[in-house]
Amino acid sequence: MRTIEIGLLGAGNVGGGVVRILRQNRDAIEGRLGARVTIKRVLVRTLDRQRDVPIDAGLLTTDASLVISDPKVRVVVELIGGIEPAKTLVLEAMRRGKHVVTANKALLAEHGRELFDEAARNGVSIFFEGSVAGGIPVLRALREGLASDTIETLTGIVNGTSNYILDAMARTGASYESALSSAQEAGYAEADPTLDVTGRDSAQKLALLALVSFGARVDPSAIPTEGITSIRSFDHAMARDLGYVIKSLAVARQDDEGFHLAVHPTLVPRGHLLANVQGAFNAVLVQSSALGESLYYGQGAGMMPTGMAVVSDLVEVCRGVLGFAEGGPPPQAFASIVDATPVPPTDERCENYLCVQVPNVPGVLGKVATCLGQHAISIKRVFQDTAAKEASVDLVVITERAREADVAEALAALAELAEVLGPVARLRVLDAANASG
């Protein structure tokens, strides 16, 4: 039986999952390929570390060049993460004629075009299914399953940490701080969760989704992004009473104006397909012209789900090495990438949830309504606990659909009112007929 030897760069959580899956599913993989996949070398930081998934000490090295330069290694699997040294090692591997599999969303989101160009120059492939939504094969579905269709919109929950926190707050009434602590104890949130809870992780993943769906290379830092840190248990309670749940959504749309992308917490109607995505699960809802709606759902992170996505890519690459198929997108598949800047959201329209802390005195509602009206924002519903005995109350306003620019001006004007006692909380309301929110 033919053997394809691979090299692993990194043996952490996901790397351990890859090793475990290759062992556990060895017979099935060999049956599908008609060949054996073996690990030749594994790059690690330290040789004597105790690992959750044991690896033969003879395979380990702290010298990346021994993996990259080994003539028997046909495929390099990069699982280091971050930009450097991952970028340098991936480029060098491709220059040496080796195919690459990676789960590195940051690397691809920021340097994808350079990597694809290098792959094309050297006649190799680069696969990255594990970089978005863990084990969900959404990139493969977009790239291959919907290759004959035109993708119109994407609406996704692509960060398991944020979804776990928001779901815990909604179900238990916990504060953000308490839900975050629970997520950290459960292993769903890092000790420093900043990348996840600020929305930046979702923005990186959204950039990759836009790349595969629209052929547009977008700088993740240019995507309008809002996190979940200011959402309160009160907001969840109000959302429930109004028939919604709060989700952090990554949204993308392509039209004649260009590419519209954003990441923000949103009120999602309880009957919407994304409303019941719970815990650390991910889901991406795709609207395409021929197929209509399609939903891709599953575990979005972790050793085994992400490891499974990496090994699936590895199997496809090995098929290409064996000559049975091209192994997915040939290097020239991304030759038509265009650099794009997201269209400013000035003219985006949606309903809005506004929560304004005001004194519990007569006349305040009128002043808030007048301020909103002066900025072309109409009120759809108002909720205020008029029986409350506290000195201040939370006034909740649901607006009619309004322009983003008008909402921004209205929020600035509200902040100047003497009757407004704190920052105005704003959440967009997802229009089921307009998935971009």
Protein backbone atom coordinates (compact mmCIF):
# COMPACT_ATOMS: atom_id res chain seq x y z
CA MET A 1 0.00 0.00 0.00
CA ARG A 2 1.27 3.48 -0.87
CA THR A 3 2.20 5.76 2.00
CA ILE A 4 1.92 9.54 2.21
CA GLU A 5 4.04 11.08 4.92
CA ILE A 6 3.03 14.33 6.58
CA GLY A 7 4.61 16.80 8.97
CA LEU A 8 2.81 18.56 11.81
CA LEU A 9 3.74 22.07 12.90
CA GLY A 10 2.31 22.19 16.40
CA ALA A 11 0.99 19.50 18.73
CA GLY A 12 -1.30 21.45 21.02
CA ASN A 13 -5.03 21.02 21.43
CA VAL A 14 -5.93 20.73 17.74
CA GLY A 15 -2.69 18.97 16.87
CA GLY A 16 -3.48 16.35 19.48
CA GLY A 17 -6.92 15.94 17.92
CA VAL A 18 -5.37 15.37 14.50
CA VAL A 19 -3.04 12.70 15.89
CA ARG A 20 -5.89 10.98 17.72
CA ILE A 21 -8.20 10.96 14.66
CA LEU A 22 -5.47 9.64 12.37
CA ARG A 23 -4.96 6.78 14.82
CA GLN A 24 -8.58 6.01 15.59
CA ASN A 25 -9.78 6.23 11.99
CA ARG A 26 -6.71 4.77 10.34
CA ASP A 27 -8.51 1.88 8.69
CA ALA A 28 -11.37 4.05 7.39
CA ILE A 29 -8.95 6.64 6.00
CA GLU A 30 -6.87 3.97 4.30
CA GLY A 31 -10.04 2.46 2.84
CA ARG A 32 -11.10 5.78 1.36
CA LEU A 33 -7.68 6.65 0.01
CA GLY A 34 -6.23 3.30 -0.87
CA ALA A 35 -3.12 4.62 0.86
CA ARG A 36 -1.69 5.03 4.33
CA VAL A 37 -1.20 8.47 5.93
CA THR A 38 1.65 8.53 8.42
CA ILE A 39 3.16 11.27 10.54
CA LYS A 40 6.86 11.69 9.76
CA ARG A 41 7.76 14.62 12.02
CA VAL A 42 6.07 16.84 14.60
CA LEU A 43 7.29 20.31 15.56
CA VAL A 44 6.86 21.10 19.27
CA ARG A 45 8.07 23.82 21.63
CA THR A 46 9.51 21.40 24.18
CA LEU A 47 10.37 17.73 23.86
CA ASP A 48 9.61 16.61 27.41
CA ARG A 49 6.12 18.05 27.88
CA GLN A 50 3.37 15.70 29.08
CA ARG A 51 0.77 15.54 26.28
CA ASP A 52 -2.92 14.64 26.40
CA VAL A 53 -2.39 12.57 23.25
CA PRO A 54 0.92 10.70 23.49
CA ILE A 55 3.24 11.05 20.47
CA ASP A 56 6.25 8.85 19.76
CA ALA A 57 9.29 10.76 21.03
CA GLY A 58 11.17 9.80 17.86
CA LEU A 59 8.80 11.96 15.79
CA LEU A 60 9.26 15.12 17.87
CA THR A 61 11.58 17.99 17.03
CA THR A 62 11.99 21.61 18.06
CA ASP A 63 13.64 22.45 14.71
CA ALA A 64 11.02 23.51 12.15
CA SER A 65 13.48 23.13 9.27
CA LEU A 66 13.60 19.37 9.87
CA VAL A 67 9.87 19.22 9.09
CA ILE A 68 9.86 21.67 6.20
CA SER A 69 12.96 20.32 4.45
CA ASP A 70 12.28 16.60 4.86
CA PRO A 71 11.99 15.31 1.26
CA LYS A 72 9.61 12.53 2.33
CA VAL A 73 7.07 14.94 3.82
CA ARG A 74 4.47 15.62 1.12
CA VAL A 75 1.97 17.62 3.21
CA VAL A 76 2.63 20.11 6.02
CA VAL A 77 -0.14 20.67 8.56
CA GLU A 78 0.26 24.06 10.26
CA LEU A 79 -1.36 24.23 13.70
CA ILE A 80 0.85 26.81 15.41
CA GLY A 81 -1.61 29.68 15.14
CA GLY A 82 -0.92 33.40 14.90
CA ILE A 83 0.99 35.13 12.13
CA GLU A 84 4.63 34.38 12.79
CA PRO A 85 6.41 32.02 12.55
CA ALA A 86 3.43 30.31 10.90
CA LYS A 87 3.48 32.51 7.79
CA THR A 88 7.20 32.04 7.15
CA LEU A 89 6.97 28.28 7.63
CA VAL A 90 3.92 27.88 5.39
CA LEU A 91 5.48 29.92 2.59
CA GLU A 92 8.72 27.95 2.82
CA ALA A 93 6.84 24.64 2.78
CA MET A 94 5.03 25.62 -0.42
CA ARG A 95 8.28 26.80 -2.03
CA ARG A 96 9.59 23.31 -1.38
CA GLY A 97 6.62 21.84 -3.23
CA LYS A 98 4.63 20.71 -0.21
CA HIS A 99 0.87 21.01 0.09
CA VAL A 100 -0.42 22.80 3.20
CA VAL A 101 -3.37 22.26 5.52
CA THR A 102 -4.02 24.89 8.18
CA ALA A 103 -6.65 25.96 10.70
CA ASN A 104 -5.10 29.41 11.13
CA LYS A 105 -7.87 31.97 10.58
CA ALA A 106 -5.73 34.98 11.49
CA LEU A 107 -3.02 34.04 9.00
CA LEU A 108 -5.48 33.47 6.16
CA ALA A 109 -7.62 36.52 6.91
CA GLU A 110 -4.60 38.83 6.87
CA HIS A 111 -2.28 37.16 4.34
CA GLY A 112 -4.52 34.84 2.34
CA ARG A 113 -3.79 36.42 -1.03
CA GLU A 114 -0.03 36.09 -0.59
CA LEU A 115 -0.43 32.46 0.44
CA PHE A 116 -2.69 31.59 -2.50
CA ASP A 117 -0.32 33.31 -4.94
CA GLU A 118 2.59 31.32 -3.53
CA ALA A 119 0.60 28.09 -3.82
CA ALA A 120 -0.15 28.87 -7.47
CA ARG A 121 3.50 29.62 -8.26
CA ASN A 122 4.57 26.29 -6.82
CA GLY A 123 1.69 24.12 -8.07
CA VAL A 124 0.50 23.11 -4.60
CA SER A 125 -2.78 23.42 -2.69
CA ILE A 126 -3.60 25.11 0.59
CA PHE A 127 -6.66 23.94 2.54
CA PHE A 128 -8.19 25.68 5.57
CA GLU A 129 -11.55 24.16 6.48
CA GLY A 130 -10.74 24.09 10.21
CA SER A 131 -10.22 27.85 10.33
CA VAL A 132 -13.95 28.67 10.46
CA ALA A 133 -16.68 27.02 12.55
CA GLY A 134 -14.56 24.12 13.78
CA GLY A 135 -15.86 20.83 12.46
CA ILE A 136 -18.68 22.27 10.32
CA PRO A 137 -17.73 21.82 6.64
CA VAL A 138 -19.09 25.24 5.74
CA LEU A 139 -16.09 26.41 3.68
CA ARG A 140 -16.19 23.24 1.60
CA ALA A 141 -19.93 23.68 1.10
CA LEU A 142 -19.46 27.28 -0.04
CA ARG A 143 -16.47 26.50 -2.22
CA GLU A 144 -17.65 23.26 -3.79
CA GLY A 145 -21.26 22.43 -2.98
CA LEU A 146 -22.47 25.92 -3.97
CA ALA A 147 -19.90 26.48 -6.72
CA SER A 148 -22.64 26.70 -9.38
CA ASP A 149 -24.81 29.04 -7.31
CA THR A 150 -24.60 32.74 -6.46
CA ILE A 151 -24.26 33.40 -2.75
CA GLU A 152 -26.24 36.46 -1.74
CA THR A 153 -26.01 36.65 2.07
CA LEU A 154 -24.35 34.91 4.98
CA THR A 155 -25.56 35.21 8.57
CA GLY A 156 -23.59 33.24 11.13
CA ILE A 157 -22.86 32.49 14.74
CA VAL A 158 -19.16 31.74 14.35
CA ASN A 159 -17.73 32.27 17.83
CA GLY A 160 -18.56 29.56 20.35
CA THR A 161 -17.32 31.52 23.35
CA SER A 162 -19.65 34.46 22.77
CA ASN A 163 -22.57 32.19 22.02
CA TYR A 164 -21.95 30.16 25.17
CA ILE A 165 -21.89 33.34 27.29
CA LEU A 166 -25.02 34.84 25.72
CA ASP A 167 -26.87 31.53 25.93
CA ALA A 168 -25.96 31.12 29.62
CA MET A 169 -27.13 34.67 30.37
CA ALA A 170 -30.43 34.08 28.57
CA ARG A 171 -31.14 30.72 30.23
CA THR A 172 -30.06 31.46 33.79
CA GLY A 173 -30.31 35.21 34.16
CA ALA A 174 -26.61 35.36 35.00
CA SER A 175 -24.58 38.51 34.59
CA TYR A 176 -22.01 38.80 31.82
CA GLU A 177 -19.19 38.42 34.33
CA SER A 178 -20.69 35.28 35.85
CA ALA A 179 -21.40 33.70 32.45
CA LEU A 180 -17.86 34.46 31.31
CA SER A 181 -16.46 32.82 34.44
CA SER A 182 -18.59 29.73 33.76
CA ALA A 183 -17.34 29.63 30.16
CA GLN A 184 -13.75 29.77 31.38
CA GLU A 185 -14.34 27.00 33.92
CA ALA A 186 -15.92 24.84 31.20
CA GLY A 187 -12.96 25.43 28.87
CA TYR A 188 -14.96 27.42 26.30
CA ALA A 189 -13.23 30.72 27.02
CA GLU A 190 -9.56 31.59 27.30
CA ALA A 191 -8.07 33.20 30.40
CA ASP A 192 -7.92 36.33 28.22
CA PRO A 193 -11.16 36.17 26.21
CA THR A 194 -10.69 39.55 24.50
CA LEU A 195 -10.42 38.24 20.94
CA ASP A 196 -13.72 36.38 21.33
CA VAL A 197 -15.90 38.76 23.33
CA THR A 198 -14.93 41.87 21.34
CA GLY A 199 -16.02 40.24 18.08
CA ARG A 200 -12.55 40.30 16.52
CA ASP A 201 -12.39 36.51 16.20
CA SER A 202 -15.72 36.57 14.36
CA ALA A 203 -14.46 39.35 12.08
CA GLN A 204 -11.47 37.23 11.07
CA LYS A 205 -13.75 34.29 10.30
CA LEU A 206 -16.17 36.53 8.41
CA ALA A 207 -13.30 37.75 6.25
CA LEU A 208 -12.59 34.13 5.28
CA LEU A 209 -16.26 33.45 4.58
CA ALA A 210 -16.33 36.50 2.30
CA LEU A 211 -13.18 35.30 0.57
CA VAL A 212 -14.63 31.89 -0.23
CA SER A 213 -18.14 33.15 -1.00
CA PHE A 214 -17.45 36.35 -2.91
CA GLY A 215 -13.78 36.14 -3.90
CA ALA A 216 -13.15 39.32 -1.90
CA ARG A 217 -10.15 39.83 0.33
CA VAL A 218 -11.26 42.10 3.19
CA ASP A 219 -9.05 43.31 6.02
CA PRO A 220 -10.76 42.05 9.23
CA SER A 221 -9.91 45.31 10.97
CA ALA A 222 -12.04 47.17 8.39
CA ILE A 223 -15.17 45.19 9.28
CA PRO A 224 -17.50 47.13 11.63
CA THR A 225 -17.34 45.08 14.81
CA GLU A 226 -19.10 45.22 18.17
CA GLY A 227 -18.63 42.87 21.11
CA ILE A 228 -20.91 41.51 23.80
CA THR A 229 -19.30 42.91 26.96
CA SER A 230 -21.92 45.61 27.58
CA ILE A 231 -24.97 43.32 27.32
CA ARG A 232 -26.83 42.96 30.62
CA SER A 233 -29.15 40.33 32.04
CA PHE A 234 -31.86 43.03 31.80
CA ASP A 235 -31.40 43.13 28.01
CA HIS A 236 -31.84 39.36 27.82
CA ALA A 237 -35.00 39.54 29.92
CA MET A 238 -36.44 42.27 27.70
CA ALA A 239 -35.49 40.33 24.56
CA ARG A 240 -37.33 37.28 25.92
CA ASP A 241 -40.44 39.31 26.71
CA LEU A 242 -40.38 40.78 23.21
CA GLY A 243 -40.03 37.39 21.53
CA TYR A 244 -36.30 37.49 20.75
CA VAL A 245 -32.96 36.04 21.82
CA ILE A 246 -29.67 37.91 21.69
CA LYS A 247 -26.99 36.42 19.43
CA SER A 248 -23.65 37.73 18.22
CA LEU A 249 -23.95 37.57 14.43
CA ALA A 250 -21.41 37.82 11.64
CA VAL A 251 -23.24 39.05 8.55
CA ALA A 252 -22.20 39.54 4.93
CA ARG A 253 -24.01 40.60 1.78
CA GLN A 254 -22.94 41.35 -1.77
CA ASP A 255 -24.87 43.74 -4.01
CA ASP A 256 -24.27 46.34 -6.70
CA GLU A 257 -22.72 48.71 -4.14
CA GLY A 258 -20.12 46.19 -3.03
CA PHE A 259 -19.60 44.06 0.05
CA HIS A 260 -21.48 44.70 3.28
CA LEU A 261 -19.94 43.01 6.32
CA ALA A 262 -20.44 43.45 10.06
CA VAL A 263 -20.21 41.69 13.41
CA HIS A 264 -22.56 42.72 16.20
CA PRO A 265 -24.93 41.40 18.88
CA THR A 266 -28.47 41.26 17.52
CA LEU A 267 -32.02 40.55 18.63
CA VAL A 268 -33.02 37.43 16.70
CA PRO A 269 -36.72 36.42 16.46
CA ARG A 270 -37.33 33.31 18.55
CA GLY A 271 -38.63 31.40 15.54
CA HIS A 272 -35.55 32.12 13.41
CA LEU A 273 -33.25 29.24 12.46
CA LEU A 274 -30.34 30.78 14.37
CA ALA A 275 -32.30 31.45 17.57
CA ASN A 276 -31.90 27.92 18.91
CA VAL A 277 -28.14 27.64 18.42
CA GLN A 278 -27.10 27.03 22.02
CA GLY A 279 -23.92 26.66 24.04
CA ALA A 280 -20.64 26.71 22.12
CA PHE A 281 -22.24 25.55 18.87
CA ASN A 282 -21.82 27.47 15.60
CA ALA A 283 -24.16 27.87 12.65
CA VAL A 284 -24.00 29.65 9.30
CA LEU A 285 -27.17 30.45 7.37
CA VAL A 286 -26.56 30.95 3.65
CA GLN A 287 -28.95 32.51 1.16
CA SER A 288 -28.12 31.72 -2.47
CA SER A 289 -30.06 32.49 -5.60
CA ALA A 290 -30.75 28.94 -6.80
CA LEU A 291 -30.83 26.86 -3.61
CA GLY A 292 -32.39 29.47 -1.33
CA GLU A 293 -31.67 29.00 2.39
CA SER A 294 -29.21 26.38 3.64
CA LEU A 295 -27.98 25.98 7.21
CA TYR A 296 -24.63 24.58 8.38
CA TYR A 297 -24.60 23.71 12.08
CA GLY A 298 -22.35 21.91 14.53
CA GLN A 299 -19.61 22.19 17.13
CA GLY A 300 -17.53 25.24 16.40
CA ALA A 301 -14.34 24.54 18.30
CA GLY A 302 -12.40 22.01 20.31
CA MET A 303 -9.81 19.31 19.86
CA MET A 304 -11.92 16.77 18.00
CA PRO A 305 -14.27 18.95 15.88
CA THR A 306 -11.44 21.14 14.55
CA GLY A 307 -9.11 18.15 14.31
CA MET A 308 -11.75 16.39 12.21
CA ALA A 309 -11.92 19.34 9.80
CA VAL A 310 -8.13 19.35 9.48
CA VAL A 311 -7.99 15.61 8.79
CA SER A 312 -10.79 15.95 6.23
CA ASP A 313 -8.69 18.53 4.41
CA LEU A 314 -5.71 16.23 4.73
CA VAL A 315 -7.62 13.39 3.06
CA GLU A 316 -8.59 15.66 0.16
CA VAL A 317 -4.99 16.81 -0.30
CA CYS A 318 -3.79 13.23 -0.24
CA ARG A 319 -6.31 12.33 -2.95
CA GLY A 320 -4.65 14.97 -5.10
CA VAL A 321 -1.19 13.66 -4.27
CA LEU A 322 -2.30 10.20 -5.34
CA GLY A 323 -3.73 11.58 -8.57
CA PHE A 324 -7.33 10.44 -7.95
CA ALA A 325 -8.62 14.02 -8.02
CA GLU A 326 -7.36 17.54 -7.80
CA GLY A 327 -7.80 17.46 -4.03
CA GLY A 328 -10.24 20.35 -3.85
CA PRO A 329 -9.53 23.79 -5.27
CA PRO A 330 -6.45 23.79 -7.49
CA PRO A 331 -3.98 26.61 -6.79
CA GLN A 332 -5.50 28.86 -9.45
CA ALA A 333 -8.96 28.66 -7.83
CA PHE A 334 -8.31 31.88 -5.91
CA ALA A 335 -6.50 33.71 -8.70
CA SER A 336 -9.45 36.11 -9.15
CA ILE A 337 -9.40 37.50 -5.61
CA VAL A 338 -10.12 41.22 -5.43
CA ASP A 339 -9.10 43.44 -2.55
CA ALA A 340 -12.23 45.03 -1.14
CA THR A 341 -13.23 47.49 1.55
CA PRO A 342 -16.61 46.94 3.20
CA VAL A 343 -19.27 49.44 2.15
CA PRO A 344 -19.76 51.90 5.03
CA PRO A 345 -22.98 50.93 6.84
CA THR A 346 -24.37 54.47 6.57
CA ASP A 347 -27.48 53.49 4.62
CA GLU A 348 -28.11 50.09 6.23
CA ARG A 349 -31.59 49.95 7.71
CA CYS A 350 -33.01 47.90 10.58
CA GLU A 351 -35.24 48.12 13.61
CA ASN A 352 -33.39 48.88 16.83
CA TYR A 353 -33.63 48.13 20.52
CA LEU A 354 -32.64 51.17 22.57
CA CYS A 355 -32.44 51.14 26.35
CA VAL A 356 -32.17 54.56 27.95
CA GLN A 357 -31.70 55.09 31.70
CA VAL A 358 -33.78 58.11 32.71
CA PRO A 359 -35.18 59.72 35.89
CA ASN A 360 -38.50 58.31 37.03
CA VAL A 361 -40.36 61.59 36.47
CA PRO A 362 -43.14 62.68 34.07
CA GLY A 363 -42.22 64.06 30.65
CA VAL A 364 -39.03 62.13 30.05
CA LEU A 365 -40.53 59.86 27.41
CA GLY A 366 -41.63 62.89 25.43
CA LYS A 367 -38.12 64.33 25.40
CA VAL A 368 -36.59 61.03 24.28
CA ALA A 369 -39.23 60.62 21.56
CA THR A 370 -38.70 64.19 20.38
CA CYS A 371 -34.95 63.66 20.15
CA LEU A 372 -35.41 60.48 18.10
CA GLY A 373 -37.97 62.18 15.84
CA GLN A 374 -35.57 65.02 15.14
CA HIS A 375 -33.24 62.42 13.63
CA ALA A 376 -35.84 60.71 11.43
CA ILE A 377 -36.37 57.78 13.79
CA SER A 378 -39.91 56.62 14.45
CA ILE A 379 -40.90 54.67 17.55
CA LYS A 380 -42.60 51.31 17.11
CA ARG A 381 -43.00 50.25 20.77
CA VAL A 382 -42.10 51.64 24.19
CA PHE A 383 -41.68 49.78 27.49
CA GLN A 384 -41.27 51.47 30.85
CA ASP A 385 -41.94 50.25 34.37
CA THR A 386 -44.14 53.15 35.42
CA ALA A 387 -44.84 51.50 38.77
CA ALA A 388 -41.18 51.38 39.71
CA LYS A 389 -40.25 53.33 42.85
CA GLU A 390 -36.58 53.75 41.99
CA ALA A 391 -35.20 57.18 41.23
CA SER A 392 -34.27 56.03 37.73
CA VAL A 393 -35.77 53.52 35.30
CA ASP A 394 -34.80 51.78 32.07
CA LEU A 395 -36.83 53.10 29.17
CA VAL A 396 -36.84 50.60 26.29
CA VAL A 397 -37.68 51.77 22.80
CA ILE A 398 -38.11 49.60 19.71
CA THR A 399 -37.71 51.76 16.64
CA GLU A 400 -39.09 51.36 13.17
CA ARG A 401 -36.52 50.58 10.48
CA ALA A 402 -33.99 53.41 10.44
CA ARG A 403 -30.78 54.35 8.65
CA GLU A 404 -27.56 53.50 10.46
CA ALA A 405 -26.31 57.06 10.07
CA ASP A 406 -29.51 58.47 11.60
CA VAL A 407 -29.31 56.07 14.53
CA ALA A 408 -25.70 57.05 15.19
CA GLU A 409 -26.64 60.75 15.23
CA ALA A 410 -29.63 60.09 17.47
CA LEU A 411 -27.51 58.16 19.97
CA ALA A 412 -25.04 61.05 20.12
CA ALA A 413 -27.89 63.50 20.67
CA LEU A 414 -29.48 61.36 23.39
CA ALA A 415 -26.15 61.26 25.21
CA GLU A 416 -26.31 65.05 25.45
CA LEU A 417 -29.72 65.16 27.11
CA ALA A 418 -29.64 65.98 30.82
CA GLU A 419 -32.39 63.40 31.37
CA VAL A 420 -30.25 60.54 30.06
CA LEU A 421 -28.30 59.17 33.02
CA GLY A 422 -25.91 56.74 31.31
CA PRO A 423 -24.80 55.24 28.02
CA VAL A 424 -27.65 54.24 25.71
CA ALA A 425 -27.67 50.51 24.98
CA ARG A 426 -28.35 49.74 21.32
CA LEU A 427 -28.96 46.37 19.69
CA ARG A 428 -30.01 45.79 16.12
CA VAL A 429 -33.11 43.71 15.46
CA LEU A 430 -32.75 41.02 12.82
CA ASP A 431 -35.32 41.28 10.07
CA ALA A 432 -36.11 37.72 9.01
CA ALA A 433 -36.72 39.03 5.49
CA ASN A 434 -33.33 40.73 5.45
CA ALA A 435 -30.73 38.43 7.01
CA SER A 436 -28.04 41.10 6.92
CA GLY A 437 -29.95 42.81 9.75
